[in-house]
């Protein structure tokens, strides 16, 4: 059994738990960091129940399935950090890019290359 269950586009979930405002972590502005990611609340140890699977729009389900397959293929054939960088630029999956690589893009003024990548998938979807 996997450590964490996987959920797919089109799954209908029932999530129970208590939403909390993120707290400050020592000298790190965790609340601000999450807000920058579009996250304004957290939930510790939620109860998650899958009510139904495959209830999404079929063309989008196909697009997300293709995106996941391409992401896994890139991770298998490329070493890190190249795999994460390719996932970010090609597929808009930026969460796996190491912070040191993000910092390098910021310092060289090329961070926009990573920001534009999300648009590529939006146009396809």
N, C-alpha and C. Protein backbone atom coordinates (compact mmCIF):
# COMPACT_ATOMS: atom_id res chain seq x y z
N UNK A 1 0.85 -1.19 0.00
CA UNK A 1 0.00 0.00 0.00
C UNK A 1 0.89 1.25 0.00
N UNK A 2 0.61 2.20 -0.88
CA UNK A 2 1.43 3.42 -0.92
C UNK A 2 1.31 4.21 0.38
N UNK A 3 2.39 4.92 0.70
CA UNK A 3 2.40 5.72 1.93
C UNK A 3 1.33 6.79 1.90
N UNK A 4 1.18 7.42 0.75
CA UNK A 4 0.16 8.45 0.58
C UNK A 4 -0.76 8.03 -0.57
N UNK A 5 -2.05 8.13 -0.38
CA UNK A 5 -2.96 7.77 -1.47
C UNK A 5 -2.83 8.77 -2.62
N UNK A 6 -3.12 8.32 -3.81
CA UNK A 6 -3.09 9.21 -4.96
C UNK A 6 -4.51 9.54 -5.39
N UNK A 7 -4.67 10.77 -5.79
CA UNK A 7 -5.96 11.24 -6.27
C UNK A 7 -5.76 11.75 -7.68
N UNK A 8 -6.79 11.61 -8.48
CA UNK A 8 -6.70 12.01 -9.88
C UNK A 8 -7.77 13.03 -10.20
N UNK A 9 -7.55 13.73 -11.31
CA UNK A 9 -8.55 14.65 -11.79
C UNK A 9 -9.86 13.90 -11.94
N UNK A 10 -10.94 14.49 -11.47
CA UNK A 10 -12.26 13.87 -11.58
C UNK A 10 -12.68 13.10 -10.35
N UNK A 11 -11.76 12.90 -9.39
CA UNK A 11 -12.13 12.25 -8.14
C UNK A 11 -12.95 13.22 -7.30
N UNK A 12 -14.01 12.72 -6.69
CA UNK A 12 -14.83 13.52 -5.79
C UNK A 12 -14.45 13.09 -4.38
N UNK A 13 -13.95 14.05 -3.59
CA UNK A 13 -13.45 13.75 -2.26
C UNK A 13 -14.29 14.43 -1.19
N UNK A 14 -14.40 13.77 -0.05
CA UNK A 14 -14.97 14.38 1.15
C UNK A 14 -13.80 14.56 2.11
N UNK A 15 -13.51 15.81 2.46
CA UNK A 15 -12.38 16.13 3.33
C UNK A 15 -12.92 16.70 4.63
N UNK A 16 -12.54 16.06 5.74
CA UNK A 16 -12.97 16.53 7.06
C UNK A 16 -11.74 16.91 7.87
N UNK A 17 -11.85 18.03 8.55
CA UNK A 17 -10.75 18.48 9.40
C UNK A 17 -10.97 19.92 9.77
N UNK A 18 -10.01 20.46 10.48
CA UNK A 18 -10.11 21.84 10.94
C UNK A 18 -9.12 22.71 10.17
N UNK A 19 -9.66 23.71 9.45
CA UNK A 19 -8.81 24.66 8.73
C UNK A 19 -8.15 25.59 9.74
N UNK A 20 -6.86 25.82 9.54
CA UNK A 20 -6.11 26.70 10.42
C UNK A 20 -5.32 27.71 9.59
N UNK A 21 -5.13 28.88 10.16
CA UNK A 21 -4.25 29.87 9.54
C UNK A 21 -2.82 29.45 9.82
N UNK A 22 -1.96 29.41 8.79
CA UNK A 22 -0.57 29.00 9.01
C UNK A 22 0.11 29.88 10.05
N UNK A 23 0.90 29.25 10.89
CA UNK A 23 1.59 30.00 11.94
C UNK A 23 3.01 30.36 11.50
N UNK A 24 3.60 31.28 12.23
CA UNK A 24 4.97 31.71 11.99
C UNK A 24 5.92 30.61 12.44
N UNK A 25 6.94 30.31 11.66
CA UNK A 25 7.94 29.31 12.03
C UNK A 25 9.26 29.99 12.29
N UNK A 26 9.56 30.23 13.55
CA UNK A 26 10.80 30.91 13.95
C UNK A 26 10.99 32.18 13.13
N UNK A 27 12.07 32.25 12.36
CA UNK A 27 12.35 33.45 11.56
C UNK A 27 11.81 33.36 10.14
N UNK A 28 11.11 32.27 9.81
CA UNK A 28 10.62 32.05 8.45
C UNK A 28 9.15 32.46 8.36
N UNK A 29 8.83 33.28 7.37
CA UNK A 29 7.45 33.73 7.16
C UNK A 29 6.68 32.66 6.40
N UNK A 30 6.30 31.61 7.11
CA UNK A 30 5.61 30.47 6.49
C UNK A 30 4.27 30.90 5.92
N UNK A 31 3.55 31.75 6.65
CA UNK A 31 2.24 32.23 6.18
C UNK A 31 2.41 32.98 4.85
N UNK A 32 3.40 33.86 4.76
CA UNK A 32 3.66 34.60 3.53
C UNK A 32 4.11 33.69 2.40
N UNK A 33 4.94 32.71 2.73
CA UNK A 33 5.41 31.75 1.72
C UNK A 33 4.23 31.00 1.12
N UNK A 34 3.34 30.49 1.99
CA UNK A 34 2.17 29.76 1.49
C UNK A 34 1.24 30.68 0.70
N UNK A 35 1.06 31.92 1.17
CA UNK A 35 0.19 32.86 0.47
C UNK A 35 0.71 33.11 -0.95
N UNK A 36 2.03 33.16 -1.10
CA UNK A 36 2.63 33.33 -2.42
C UNK A 36 2.29 32.15 -3.33
N UNK A 37 2.05 30.98 -2.74
CA UNK A 37 1.67 29.79 -3.49
C UNK A 37 0.15 29.67 -3.65
N UNK A 38 -0.59 30.66 -3.12
CA UNK A 38 -2.05 30.63 -3.22
C UNK A 38 -2.71 29.80 -2.13
N UNK A 39 -1.99 29.55 -1.03
CA UNK A 39 -2.50 28.73 0.08
C UNK A 39 -2.67 29.64 1.29
N UNK A 40 -3.89 29.70 1.82
CA UNK A 40 -4.18 30.60 2.93
C UNK A 40 -4.61 29.88 4.20
N UNK A 41 -4.83 28.58 4.11
CA UNK A 41 -5.18 27.77 5.27
C UNK A 41 -4.52 26.41 5.14
N UNK A 42 -4.30 25.77 6.28
CA UNK A 42 -3.77 24.42 6.29
C UNK A 42 -4.69 23.53 7.11
N UNK A 43 -4.52 22.23 6.94
CA UNK A 43 -5.31 21.27 7.70
C UNK A 43 -4.39 20.12 8.07
N UNK A 44 -4.21 19.91 9.36
CA UNK A 44 -3.39 18.81 9.81
C UNK A 44 -4.23 17.55 9.95
N UNK A 45 -3.73 16.45 9.45
CA UNK A 45 -4.37 15.14 9.57
C UNK A 45 -5.83 15.12 9.15
N UNK A 46 -6.11 15.52 7.92
CA UNK A 46 -7.50 15.47 7.46
C UNK A 46 -7.96 14.03 7.24
N UNK A 47 -9.24 13.83 7.38
CA UNK A 47 -9.85 12.56 6.99
C UNK A 47 -10.32 12.75 5.55
N UNK A 48 -9.83 11.91 4.66
CA UNK A 48 -10.17 12.04 3.24
C UNK A 48 -10.84 10.76 2.78
N UNK A 49 -12.01 10.92 2.21
CA UNK A 49 -12.77 9.78 1.71
C UNK A 49 -13.06 10.01 0.22
N UNK A 50 -12.78 9.01 -0.59
CA UNK A 50 -13.09 9.10 -2.01
C UNK A 50 -14.55 8.70 -2.20
N UNK A 51 -15.36 9.65 -2.65
CA UNK A 51 -16.77 9.37 -2.87
C UNK A 51 -17.01 8.76 -4.25
N UNK A 52 -16.33 9.31 -5.26
CA UNK A 52 -16.48 8.82 -6.63
C UNK A 52 -15.18 9.06 -7.38
N UNK A 53 -14.95 8.27 -8.39
CA UNK A 53 -13.78 8.45 -9.25
C UNK A 53 -14.25 8.72 -10.68
N UNK A 54 -13.43 9.46 -11.42
CA UNK A 54 -13.69 9.65 -12.84
C UNK A 54 -14.89 10.51 -13.17
N UNK A 55 -15.18 11.52 -12.35
CA UNK A 55 -16.35 12.37 -12.60
C UNK A 55 -15.98 13.66 -13.34
N UNK A 56 -14.74 13.77 -13.80
CA UNK A 56 -14.33 14.98 -14.50
C UNK A 56 -14.74 14.97 -15.96
N UNK A 57 -14.44 16.06 -16.62
CA UNK A 57 -14.69 16.20 -18.06
C UNK A 57 -13.66 15.34 -18.79
N UNK A 58 -14.11 14.46 -19.65
CA UNK A 58 -13.23 13.47 -20.29
C UNK A 58 -12.05 14.07 -21.05
N UNK A 59 -12.23 15.12 -21.86
CA UNK A 59 -11.05 15.68 -22.54
C UNK A 59 -9.99 16.19 -21.55
N UNK A 60 -10.42 16.82 -20.46
CA UNK A 60 -9.46 17.28 -19.47
C UNK A 60 -8.81 16.11 -18.75
N UNK A 61 -9.59 15.07 -18.50
CA UNK A 61 -9.03 13.87 -17.87
C UNK A 61 -7.90 13.31 -18.74
N UNK A 62 -8.11 13.30 -20.05
CA UNK A 62 -7.08 12.83 -20.97
C UNK A 62 -5.84 13.73 -20.92
N UNK A 63 -6.04 15.05 -20.90
CA UNK A 63 -4.92 16.00 -20.85
C UNK A 63 -4.12 15.80 -19.58
N UNK A 64 -4.79 15.69 -18.43
CA UNK A 64 -4.07 15.51 -17.17
C UNK A 64 -3.37 14.16 -17.11
N UNK A 65 -3.98 13.14 -17.67
CA UNK A 65 -3.34 11.82 -17.72
C UNK A 65 -2.08 11.88 -18.57
N UNK A 66 -2.16 12.54 -19.70
CA UNK A 66 -0.99 12.71 -20.57
C UNK A 66 0.09 13.50 -19.85
N UNK A 67 -0.29 14.56 -19.17
CA UNK A 67 0.66 15.39 -18.43
C UNK A 67 1.38 14.56 -17.37
N UNK A 68 0.63 13.76 -16.62
CA UNK A 68 1.25 12.91 -15.59
C UNK A 68 2.19 11.89 -16.21
N UNK A 69 1.78 11.31 -17.32
CA UNK A 69 2.63 10.32 -18.00
C UNK A 69 3.93 10.98 -18.49
N UNK A 70 3.82 12.15 -19.09
CA UNK A 70 5.02 12.86 -19.56
C UNK A 70 5.92 13.24 -18.40
N UNK A 71 5.33 13.66 -17.29
CA UNK A 71 6.11 14.01 -16.11
C UNK A 71 6.89 12.81 -15.59
N UNK A 72 6.24 11.67 -15.50
CA UNK A 72 6.92 10.45 -15.04
C UNK A 72 8.02 10.03 -16.01
N UNK A 73 7.76 10.16 -17.30
CA UNK A 73 8.77 9.80 -18.30
C UNK A 73 9.99 10.70 -18.18
N UNK A 74 9.78 12.00 -18.03
CA UNK A 74 10.91 12.92 -17.86
C UNK A 74 11.71 12.57 -16.62
N UNK A 75 11.03 12.20 -15.53
CA UNK A 75 11.71 11.84 -14.29
C UNK A 75 12.53 10.56 -14.46
N UNK A 76 12.08 9.67 -15.32
CA UNK A 76 12.78 8.40 -15.53
C UNK A 76 13.99 8.54 -16.45
N UNK A 77 13.91 9.42 -17.44
CA UNK A 77 14.98 9.47 -18.45
C UNK A 77 16.00 10.58 -18.22
N UNK A 78 15.70 11.54 -17.37
CA UNK A 78 16.63 12.64 -17.12
C UNK A 78 17.10 12.62 -15.67
N UNK A 79 18.36 13.01 -15.44
CA UNK A 79 18.84 13.14 -14.06
C UNK A 79 18.29 14.42 -13.45
N UNK A 80 18.41 14.53 -12.14
CA UNK A 80 18.03 15.78 -11.47
C UNK A 80 19.21 16.73 -11.52
N UNK A 81 19.04 18.01 -11.60
CA UNK A 81 17.78 18.75 -11.58
C UNK A 81 17.16 18.94 -12.96
N UNK A 82 17.77 18.34 -13.99
CA UNK A 82 17.26 18.52 -15.35
C UNK A 82 15.82 18.02 -15.49
N UNK A 83 15.49 16.91 -14.84
CA UNK A 83 14.13 16.37 -14.94
C UNK A 83 13.12 17.35 -14.38
N UNK A 84 13.40 17.89 -13.20
CA UNK A 84 12.47 18.85 -12.58
C UNK A 84 12.36 20.13 -13.40
N UNK A 85 13.48 20.56 -13.94
CA UNK A 85 13.48 21.77 -14.76
C UNK A 85 12.66 21.54 -16.04
N UNK A 86 12.83 20.39 -16.67
CA UNK A 86 12.05 20.08 -17.88
C UNK A 86 10.56 19.98 -17.54
N UNK A 87 10.22 19.37 -16.40
CA UNK A 87 8.82 19.30 -15.99
C UNK A 87 8.25 20.70 -15.80
N UNK A 88 9.05 21.60 -15.24
CA UNK A 88 8.59 22.96 -15.01
C UNK A 88 8.38 23.74 -16.30
N UNK A 89 9.35 23.67 -17.19
CA UNK A 89 9.28 24.45 -18.42
C UNK A 89 8.26 23.88 -19.40
N UNK A 90 8.24 22.56 -19.55
CA UNK A 90 7.37 21.94 -20.56
C UNK A 90 5.95 21.76 -20.05
N UNK A 91 5.81 21.33 -18.79
CA UNK A 91 4.49 20.94 -18.27
C UNK A 91 3.91 21.89 -17.24
N UNK A 92 4.70 22.87 -16.80
CA UNK A 92 4.20 23.80 -15.79
C UNK A 92 4.21 23.23 -14.38
N UNK A 93 4.90 22.12 -14.15
CA UNK A 93 5.00 21.51 -12.83
C UNK A 93 6.26 22.08 -12.17
N UNK A 94 6.08 23.09 -11.33
CA UNK A 94 7.24 23.80 -10.78
C UNK A 94 7.58 23.39 -9.36
N UNK A 95 6.74 22.60 -8.73
CA UNK A 95 6.95 22.27 -7.32
C UNK A 95 8.18 21.43 -7.05
N UNK A 96 8.69 20.72 -8.04
CA UNK A 96 9.85 19.85 -7.83
C UNK A 96 11.18 20.52 -8.13
N UNK A 97 11.15 21.72 -8.68
CA UNK A 97 12.39 22.41 -9.03
C UNK A 97 13.10 22.81 -7.74
N UNK A 98 14.36 22.38 -7.57
CA UNK A 98 15.10 22.73 -6.35
C UNK A 98 15.18 24.24 -6.15
N UNK A 99 15.13 24.65 -4.90
CA UNK A 99 15.16 26.09 -4.60
C UNK A 99 16.44 26.73 -5.11
N UNK A 100 17.54 25.99 -5.13
CA UNK A 100 18.80 26.55 -5.63
C UNK A 100 18.69 26.88 -7.12
N UNK A 101 17.99 26.05 -7.87
CA UNK A 101 17.80 26.30 -9.31
C UNK A 101 16.88 27.50 -9.50
N UNK A 102 15.80 27.58 -8.71
CA UNK A 102 14.92 28.76 -8.77
C UNK A 102 15.70 30.02 -8.47
N UNK A 103 16.58 29.96 -7.46
CA UNK A 103 17.39 31.13 -7.10
C UNK A 103 18.32 31.52 -8.24
N UNK A 104 18.92 30.53 -8.90
CA UNK A 104 19.80 30.82 -10.04
C UNK A 104 19.03 31.53 -11.15
N UNK A 105 17.81 31.09 -11.44
CA UNK A 105 17.00 31.75 -12.46
C UNK A 105 16.67 33.18 -12.04
N UNK A 106 16.38 33.38 -10.76
CA UNK A 106 16.07 34.73 -10.27
C UNK A 106 17.28 35.64 -10.40
N UNK A 107 18.46 35.13 -10.01
CA UNK A 107 19.68 35.95 -10.04
C UNK A 107 20.09 36.32 -11.46
N UNK A 108 19.77 35.46 -12.42
CA UNK A 108 20.16 35.75 -13.81
C UNK A 108 19.08 36.50 -14.58
N UNK A 109 17.95 36.77 -13.93
CA UNK A 109 16.88 37.50 -14.60
C UNK A 109 16.11 36.67 -15.60
N UNK A 110 16.17 35.35 -15.46
CA UNK A 110 15.47 34.47 -16.41
C UNK A 110 14.33 33.70 -15.75
N UNK A 111 13.89 34.12 -14.57
CA UNK A 111 12.81 33.42 -13.86
C UNK A 111 11.52 33.42 -14.67
N UNK A 112 11.35 34.40 -15.55
CA UNK A 112 10.14 34.45 -16.37
C UNK A 112 9.99 33.22 -17.25
N UNK A 113 11.09 32.55 -17.58
CA UNK A 113 11.00 31.33 -18.38
C UNK A 113 10.22 30.25 -17.65
N UNK A 114 10.36 30.20 -16.34
CA UNK A 114 9.61 29.23 -15.55
C UNK A 114 8.17 29.70 -15.36
N UNK A 115 7.96 30.99 -15.22
CA UNK A 115 6.61 31.52 -15.00
C UNK A 115 5.73 31.35 -16.24
N UNK A 116 6.31 31.47 -17.40
CA UNK A 116 5.55 31.35 -18.64
C UNK A 116 5.08 29.92 -18.85
N UNK A 117 5.81 28.95 -18.30
CA UNK A 117 5.53 27.55 -18.60
C UNK A 117 4.11 27.13 -18.26
N UNK A 118 3.52 27.70 -17.21
CA UNK A 118 2.15 27.36 -16.86
C UNK A 118 1.18 27.72 -17.97
N UNK A 119 1.49 28.74 -18.74
CA UNK A 119 0.65 29.17 -19.84
C UNK A 119 0.59 28.10 -20.93
N UNK A 120 1.70 27.39 -21.13
CA UNK A 120 1.72 26.35 -22.16
C UNK A 120 0.63 25.33 -21.92
N UNK A 121 0.51 24.85 -20.70
CA UNK A 121 -0.51 23.85 -20.39
C UNK A 121 -1.90 24.46 -20.46
N UNK A 122 -2.05 25.69 -20.03
CA UNK A 122 -3.36 26.34 -20.07
C UNK A 122 -3.87 26.45 -21.50
N UNK A 123 -2.97 26.71 -22.43
CA UNK A 123 -3.37 26.80 -23.83
C UNK A 123 -3.80 25.43 -24.34
N UNK A 124 -3.08 24.38 -23.96
CA UNK A 124 -3.43 23.02 -24.37
C UNK A 124 -4.76 22.62 -23.77
N UNK A 125 -4.96 22.92 -22.48
CA UNK A 125 -6.21 22.53 -21.80
C UNK A 125 -7.35 23.38 -22.32
